[in-house]
Protein backbone atom coordinates (compact mmCIF):
# COMPACT_ATOMS: atom_id res chain seq x y z
CA MET A 1 -0.06 0.06 0.05
CA SER A 2 1.57 3.39 -1.09
CA GLU A 3 1.26 6.51 1.07
CA HIS A 4 -1.49 7.83 -1.10
CA GLU A 5 -3.68 4.70 -0.44
CA SER A 6 -3.20 4.63 3.38
CA ILE A 7 -6.29 5.12 5.47
CA PRO A 8 -4.99 8.35 7.08
CA PHE A 9 -4.20 9.92 3.73
CA MET A 10 -7.70 8.93 2.37
CA LYS A 11 -9.36 10.36 5.33
CA ALA A 12 -7.40 13.59 4.95
CA LEU A 13 -8.30 13.57 1.31
CA SER A 14 -12.01 13.24 1.96
CA ALA A 15 -11.77 16.03 4.63
CA ARG A 16 -10.14 18.29 1.94
CA ALA A 17 -13.03 17.49 -0.37
CA CYS A 18 -15.50 18.57 2.31
CA GLU A 19 -13.55 21.73 2.95
CA ALA A 20 -13.97 22.50 -0.72
CA LEU A 21 -17.68 21.76 -0.73
CA GLY A 22 -18.22 24.31 1.83
CA SER A 23 -17.63 27.18 -0.89
CA TRP A 24 -20.56 25.66 -2.83
CA GLU A 25 -22.59 25.26 0.38
CA LEU A 26 -22.71 21.50 -0.17
CA GLY A 27 -20.85 20.39 2.96
CA ALA A 28 -23.50 17.99 4.45
CA GLN A 29 -22.58 15.07 2.44
CA THR A 30 -19.69 12.42 2.00
CA PRO A 31 -17.92 12.79 -1.36
CA GLN A 32 -17.32 9.64 -3.32
CA LEU A 33 -13.64 9.39 -4.56
CA LEU A 34 -13.76 8.28 -8.16
CA LYS A 35 -9.99 8.58 -9.08
CA TYR A 36 -6.83 10.04 -7.63
CA ARG A 37 -4.21 10.61 -10.32
CA GLU A 38 -3.21 14.03 -11.43
CA ASN A 39 -6.24 15.42 -9.65
CA ALA A 40 -8.59 13.90 -6.85
CA VAL A 41 -12.02 13.61 -8.51
CA PHE A 42 -15.18 13.03 -6.40
CA ARG A 43 -18.83 12.47 -7.14
CA VAL A 44 -20.88 14.93 -5.07
CA THR A 45 -24.49 15.93 -5.16
CA LEU A 46 -25.65 19.53 -5.92
CA ARG A 47 -28.39 21.37 -4.13
CA ASN A 48 -30.94 20.36 -6.83
CA GLY A 49 -30.17 16.85 -6.27
CA GLU A 50 -28.12 16.29 -9.39
CA PRO A 51 -24.70 14.60 -9.36
CA ALA A 52 -21.57 16.56 -10.25
CA ALA A 53 -17.88 16.02 -10.17
CA LEU A 54 -15.60 17.87 -7.64
CA ARG A 55 -12.07 18.07 -8.70
CA LEU A 56 -9.16 18.86 -6.36
CA HIS A 57 -6.31 19.95 -8.54
CA ARG A 58 -2.70 18.72 -7.91
CA PRO A 59 -1.00 21.44 -5.94
CA GLY A 60 1.41 23.39 -8.18
CA TYR A 61 0.41 21.94 -11.49
CA ARG A 62 -1.91 24.69 -12.96
CA ASN A 63 -2.36 28.21 -11.64
CA GLU A 64 -5.62 29.97 -11.36
CA ILE A 65 -5.52 31.66 -14.65
CA ALA A 66 -4.97 28.26 -16.50
CA LEU A 67 -7.71 26.66 -14.67
CA VAL A 68 -10.27 29.42 -15.18
CA SER A 69 -9.11 29.15 -18.89
CA GLU A 70 -9.89 25.58 -19.06
CA LEU A 71 -13.24 26.08 -17.60
CA SER A 72 -14.21 28.98 -19.94
CA TRP A 73 -13.26 26.88 -23.01
CA MET A 74 -15.35 23.86 -21.62
CA ALA A 75 -18.32 26.31 -21.08
CA ALA A 76 -17.98 27.48 -24.71
CA LEU A 77 -17.99 23.95 -26.11
CA ARG A 78 -20.96 23.12 -24.05
CA GLU A 79 -22.72 26.18 -25.34
CA ALA A 80 -21.77 25.02 -28.94
CA GLY A 81 -23.69 21.79 -28.27
CA LEU A 82 -20.82 19.40 -27.44
CA ARG A 83 -21.18 16.88 -24.68
CA VAL A 84 -18.56 18.01 -22.32
CA PRO A 85 -18.81 18.87 -18.50
CA ALA A 86 -19.68 22.65 -17.81
CA PRO A 87 -18.40 24.50 -14.75
CA VAL A 88 -20.70 24.88 -11.75
CA SER A 89 -20.30 28.22 -10.02
CA THR A 90 -20.34 28.81 -6.27
CA PRO A 91 -23.40 30.86 -4.95
CA ASP A 92 -21.25 33.94 -4.98
CA GLY A 93 -20.20 33.43 -8.72
CA ARG A 94 -16.82 31.68 -8.38
CA GLN A 95 -15.68 28.88 -10.64
CA ILE A 96 -12.49 28.13 -8.88
CA VAL A 97 -11.93 28.01 -5.20
CA ALA A 98 -8.58 28.41 -3.64
CA LEU A 99 -7.76 26.09 -0.62
CA ASP A 100 -4.92 27.16 1.81
CA ALA A 101 -2.18 24.73 2.61
CA ASN A 102 -2.49 22.39 5.41
CA PRO A 103 -0.24 19.63 6.94
CA GLU A 104 -1.30 17.12 4.26
CA PHE A 105 -1.73 19.40 1.21
CA GLY A 106 -0.11 22.36 -0.30
CA ASP A 107 -2.02 25.33 -1.68
CA GLN A 108 -4.40 24.12 -4.32
CA TYR A 109 -7.55 24.86 -6.23
CA ALA A 110 -10.98 23.06 -6.45
CA ASP A 111 -13.81 23.34 -8.98
CA ILE A 112 -17.08 21.45 -9.68
CA VAL A 113 -18.21 20.39 -13.09
CA SER A 114 -21.53 18.97 -14.26
CA TRP A 115 -21.80 15.21 -14.38
CA MET A 116 -21.60 13.27 -17.51
CA THR A 117 -23.80 10.19 -17.94
CA GLY A 118 -21.75 7.95 -20.19
CA SER A 119 -19.42 5.03 -19.40
CA PRO A 120 -15.73 5.03 -20.26
CA LEU A 121 -14.88 3.45 -23.56
CA SER A 122 -12.48 1.13 -21.87
CA GLN A 123 -9.19 1.19 -19.91
CA SER A 124 -5.71 1.19 -20.99
CA GLY A 125 -4.28 -2.26 -21.71
CA VAL A 126 -7.69 -3.94 -21.87
CA LEU A 127 -9.06 -5.18 -25.25
CA LEU A 128 -12.08 -3.42 -26.44
CA VAL A 129 -15.23 -5.66 -25.86
CA HIS A 130 -17.45 -4.10 -28.75
CA SER A 131 -18.13 -5.89 -31.86
CA SER A 132 -16.40 -4.66 -35.00
CA GLU A 133 -19.70 -2.93 -36.19
CA ARG A 134 -20.10 -1.10 -32.81
CA LEU A 135 -16.51 0.09 -32.97
CA VAL A 136 -17.02 1.51 -36.31
CA VAL A 137 -19.99 3.43 -35.01
CA ILE A 138 -18.17 4.59 -31.81
CA PHE A 139 -15.03 5.85 -33.47
CA ARG A 140 -17.02 7.58 -36.23
CA LEU A 141 -18.91 9.38 -33.52
CA LEU A 142 -15.62 10.12 -31.80
CA GLY A 143 -14.14 11.55 -35.09
CA GLU A 144 -17.26 13.76 -35.55
CA ALA A 145 -17.12 15.02 -31.91
CA MET A 146 -13.39 15.76 -32.26
CA ALA A 147 -14.02 17.85 -35.45
CA ARG A 148 -16.90 19.59 -33.85
CA LEU A 149 -14.66 20.58 -30.95
CA HIS A 150 -11.91 21.93 -33.23
CA THR A 151 -14.56 23.87 -35.34
CA ALA A 152 -16.37 25.21 -32.46
CA THR A 153 -13.10 26.30 -31.01
CA ASP A 154 -11.96 28.22 -34.08
CA ALA A 155 -15.25 30.19 -33.92
CA TRP A 156 -14.83 30.92 -30.33
CA ARG A 157 -12.92 34.13 -29.08
CA PRO A 158 -11.14 33.43 -25.86
CA PRO A 159 -10.98 36.04 -23.25
CA ALA A 160 -8.00 38.33 -23.11
CA ASN A 161 -6.50 36.48 -20.16
CA PHE A 162 -6.88 33.11 -21.60
CA ARG A 163 -3.86 30.88 -20.87
CA ARG A 164 -3.19 27.18 -21.63
CA PRO A 165 -0.13 25.15 -22.32
CA ALA A 166 1.24 24.62 -25.97
CA TRP A 167 1.76 21.12 -27.31
CA ASP A 168 4.02 22.43 -29.96
CA GLY A 169 7.68 21.93 -30.86
CA ASN A 170 8.89 23.23 -27.57
CA GLY A 171 6.07 21.77 -25.47
CA LEU A 172 6.86 18.31 -26.79
CA LEU A 173 10.66 18.48 -27.57
CA GLY A 174 12.10 21.60 -25.87
CA ARG A 175 14.41 21.66 -23.00
CA GLN A 176 11.66 21.31 -20.52
CA PRO A 177 8.68 19.37 -22.19
CA LEU A 178 5.28 19.62 -20.72
CA TRP A 179 5.47 15.93 -19.50
CA GLY A 180 9.03 15.72 -18.83
CA ARG A 181 12.43 15.19 -20.42
CA PHE A 182 11.94 11.83 -22.02
CA TRP A 183 15.56 11.48 -23.19
CA ASP A 184 17.28 11.73 -19.86
CA CYS A 185 14.91 10.58 -17.18
CA ALA A 186 15.90 8.17 -14.46
CA GLY A 187 15.90 4.52 -15.46
CA LEU A 188 17.16 4.78 -19.02
CA SER A 189 20.25 2.90 -20.01
CA PRO A 190 23.05 4.85 -21.72
CA ASN A 191 22.09 3.37 -25.11
CA GLN A 192 18.41 4.17 -24.48
CA ALA A 193 19.32 7.70 -23.63
CA MET A 194 21.33 8.10 -26.67
CA GLN A 195 18.65 6.62 -28.88
CA LEU A 196 15.98 8.98 -27.48
CA SER A 197 18.27 11.95 -27.78
CA ASN A 198 18.90 11.27 -31.46
CA LEU A 199 15.17 10.72 -31.84
CA ARG A 200 14.52 14.20 -30.10
CA LEU A 201 16.64 15.94 -32.74
CA LEU A 202 14.84 14.00 -35.65
CA LEU A 203 11.43 14.87 -34.30
CA ARG A 204 12.26 18.48 -33.80
CA GLU A 205 13.32 18.68 -37.39
CA LYS A 206 10.14 17.17 -38.61
CA THR A 207 7.85 19.32 -36.33
CA ASP A 208 9.58 22.35 -37.46
CA ALA A 209 8.34 21.55 -41.05
CA LEU A 210 4.78 21.57 -39.91
CA ARG A 211 4.03 25.26 -40.40
CA HIS A 212 0.94 24.69 -42.42
CA LEU A 213 -0.71 21.96 -40.50
CA ASP A 214 -3.98 22.67 -38.75
CA TYR A 215 -3.14 24.08 -35.36
CA GLY A 216 -5.26 25.46 -32.42
CA LEU A 217 -6.73 24.43 -29.13
CA ILE A 218 -6.99 20.65 -28.69
CA HIS A 219 -8.15 18.27 -25.92
CA ALA A 220 -4.63 16.59 -25.94
CA ASP A 221 -5.70 13.59 -23.90
CA LEU A 222 -8.50 11.80 -25.61
CA VAL A 223 -7.59 8.47 -24.34
CA ARG A 224 -10.11 5.67 -23.68
CA GLU A 225 -10.94 6.70 -20.14
CA ASN A 226 -11.79 10.24 -21.28
CA VAL A 227 -14.27 9.26 -23.98
CA LEU A 228 -17.61 8.20 -22.48
CA ILE A 229 -20.15 6.26 -24.43
CA ASP A 230 -23.87 7.07 -23.97
CA GLY A 231 -25.93 5.29 -26.36
CA ASP A 232 -25.38 6.90 -29.65
CA HIS A 233 -23.45 9.75 -28.21
CA VAL A 234 -19.92 10.28 -26.99
CA GLU A 235 -18.96 12.63 -24.26
CA LEU A 236 -15.49 14.07 -23.82
CA ILE A 237 -14.06 14.63 -20.24
CA ASP A 238 -10.83 15.65 -18.48
CA PHE A 239 -9.56 18.74 -20.19
CA ASP A 240 -6.75 19.06 -17.71
CA ASP A 241 -4.14 19.00 -20.31
CA ALA A 242 -5.98 20.78 -22.88
CA GLY A 243 -3.96 23.54 -24.74
CA TYR A 244 -2.70 24.65 -28.13
CA GLY A 245 -1.35 22.05 -30.45
CA TRP A 246 -1.69 20.37 -33.82
CA ARG A 247 -5.07 18.97 -34.43
CA MET A 248 -3.51 15.68 -35.58
CA PHE A 249 -2.11 15.23 -32.10
CA ASP A 250 -5.80 14.63 -30.97
CA LEU A 251 -6.27 12.06 -33.55
CA ALA A 252 -3.11 10.29 -32.73
CA THR A 253 -3.86 10.24 -29.06
CA ALA A 254 -7.39 8.69 -29.76
CA LEU A 255 -5.68 6.01 -31.71
CA PHE A 256 -2.43 5.33 -29.86
CA LYS A 257 -3.61 2.88 -27.27
CA ASN A 258 -5.74 0.99 -29.89
CA ARG A 259 -2.75 -0.03 -32.14
CA ASP A 260 -2.94 -3.68 -30.93
CA GLU A 261 -6.57 -4.08 -31.29
CA PRO A 262 -7.57 -6.76 -33.80
CA HIS A 263 -9.96 -4.10 -35.56
CA TYR A 264 -7.44 -1.25 -35.37
CA GLU A 265 -7.61 -0.52 -39.14
CA LEU A 266 -11.44 -0.23 -38.86
CA ILE A 267 -11.06 1.93 -35.86
CA LYS A 268 -8.69 4.25 -37.68
CA ALA A 269 -10.80 4.59 -40.83
CA ALA A 270 -13.99 5.10 -38.91
CA LEU A 271 -12.21 7.97 -36.76
CA ILE A 272 -10.95 9.49 -39.88
CA GLU A 273 -14.27 9.15 -41.76
CA GLY A 274 -16.20 10.67 -38.87
CA TYR A 275 -13.80 13.63 -38.60
CA ARG A 276 -13.92 14.27 -42.47
CA GLY A 277 -17.71 14.31 -42.29
CA VAL A 278 -17.52 17.54 -40.17
CA ARG A 279 -14.26 19.07 -40.87
CA SER A 280 -11.56 19.26 -43.63
CA LEU A 281 -8.71 16.62 -43.03
CA PRO A 282 -6.64 16.36 -46.18
CA ASP A 283 -4.53 13.41 -47.22
CA SER A 284 -1.36 15.44 -46.41
CA ALA A 285 -2.47 15.65 -42.86
CA ILE A 286 -3.25 11.98 -42.51
CA GLU A 287 0.43 11.33 -43.87
CA THR A 288 1.68 12.85 -40.68
CA LEU A 289 -0.12 10.38 -38.49
CA PRO A 290 3.01 8.15 -37.90
CA LEU A 291 4.89 11.15 -36.76
CA PHE A 292 2.19 12.18 -34.20
CA MET A 293 2.11 8.59 -32.95
CA VAL A 294 5.65 8.84 -32.10
CA LEU A 295 5.25 12.22 -30.56
CA ARG A 296 2.39 10.87 -28.40
CA SER A 297 4.65 7.90 -27.34
CA ILE A 298 7.43 10.02 -26.09
CA THR A 299 5.17 11.94 -23.70
CA TYR A 300 4.55 8.74 -21.91
CA ILE A 301 8.34 8.17 -21.27
CA GLY A 302 8.64 11.62 -19.79
CA TRP A 303 5.44 11.35 -17.70
CA ILE A 304 6.61 8.04 -16.06
CA GLY A 305 10.08 9.23 -15.71
CA GLN A 306 8.76 11.94 -13.37
CA ARG A 307 7.04 9.08 -11.36
CA ILE A 308 9.95 6.59 -11.12
CA ASP A 309 8.99 5.65 -7.55
CA ALA A 310 5.62 4.29 -8.62
CA PRO A 311 5.46 0.44 -8.06
CA ASP A 312 5.35 -0.43 -11.78
CA ALA A 313 7.30 2.53 -13.04
CA ALA A 314 10.30 0.54 -14.19
CA GLU A 315 8.38 -1.84 -16.28
CA ARG A 316 6.18 0.75 -17.77
CA LEU A 317 9.27 2.88 -18.63
CA GLN A 318 10.89 0.08 -20.53
CA ARG A 319 7.60 -0.66 -22.43
CA TYR A 320 7.18 2.94 -23.27
CA VAL A 321 10.75 3.28 -24.55
CA ALA A 322 10.27 0.03 -26.66
CA ASP A 323 7.05 1.68 -28.05
CA ALA A 324 8.62 4.79 -29.04
CA LEU A 325 11.74 3.25 -30.64
CA ALA A 326 9.63 0.76 -32.68
CA LEU A 327 7.35 3.54 -34.00
CA ALA A 328 10.36 5.71 -34.71
CA ASP A 329 11.76 3.10 -37.12
CA GLY A 330 9.31 4.12 -39.67
CA LEU A 331 10.49 7.72 -39.50
CA GLY A 332 14.04 6.84 -40.29
CA ALA A 333 15.32 7.35 -36.80
CA SER A 334 18.80 6.00 -36.52
CA ARG A 335 19.84 3.62 -33.81
């Protein structure tokens, strides 16, 4: 059992959630912890009896401006008809609440967003259980939703103080990438570090040539857990990493963990077909998909490299490195 799974810590986390609920005047309830990863997410009940999601944001990860920006974009997408969570304001009109540091937690922020009714598409590492016909329907819907998200975003004018991270060349491959320095993280062998350093140079050269590729606000983390299925609709959740980036990064992220699926080619074709039914996606953009699959793969190396003390970190690091180098073979990466 890790420190974050201990009974005293879980009690402290629940108390922290109740502290946050006081700002919404919702204190007389026991929040139900749904997940504790980057953020702690709880199911709570609003005064009208409807469920909602309380998020306790990881201390130091996003500042107030970035979090308010995230919520303002989600509200705009909801207004445009997309099935995404919407912010729930406190009685005095705040969307974000600041929580002071205490012995268990540093200064952090909390917010509440509306409840989504769908169920996650699946979990990472678990084969999809849907029939091939159903997968075509689901991924066509996901492609449509993704294209609608990009189109609605381009039609929206963000507020003057809007700030979100950029998944551009610097954000992915600069000296301090958003998810960590994948080429020199702890646990790499000297040979792996050399290979990844060479790969970083190759990828920077290729991303520098993407000047005319569709770029703007993206979700940036449309993995299976963040795609909810509700009948013949898809819902998109967890905009924590949303920011500016190439739109192909969203498509690559949605496909990355499905590469080993027996029906992967059907999944990919359906996603692209759905997207193209709503928004332009030229063949020249599709040709960059192998590049963006590699770019997505290296983010996982940096991410786990910053969590090397996790129980399965060493095994995951080796798997992520092998994935990235195998995918990079198709780009002409030298070993």
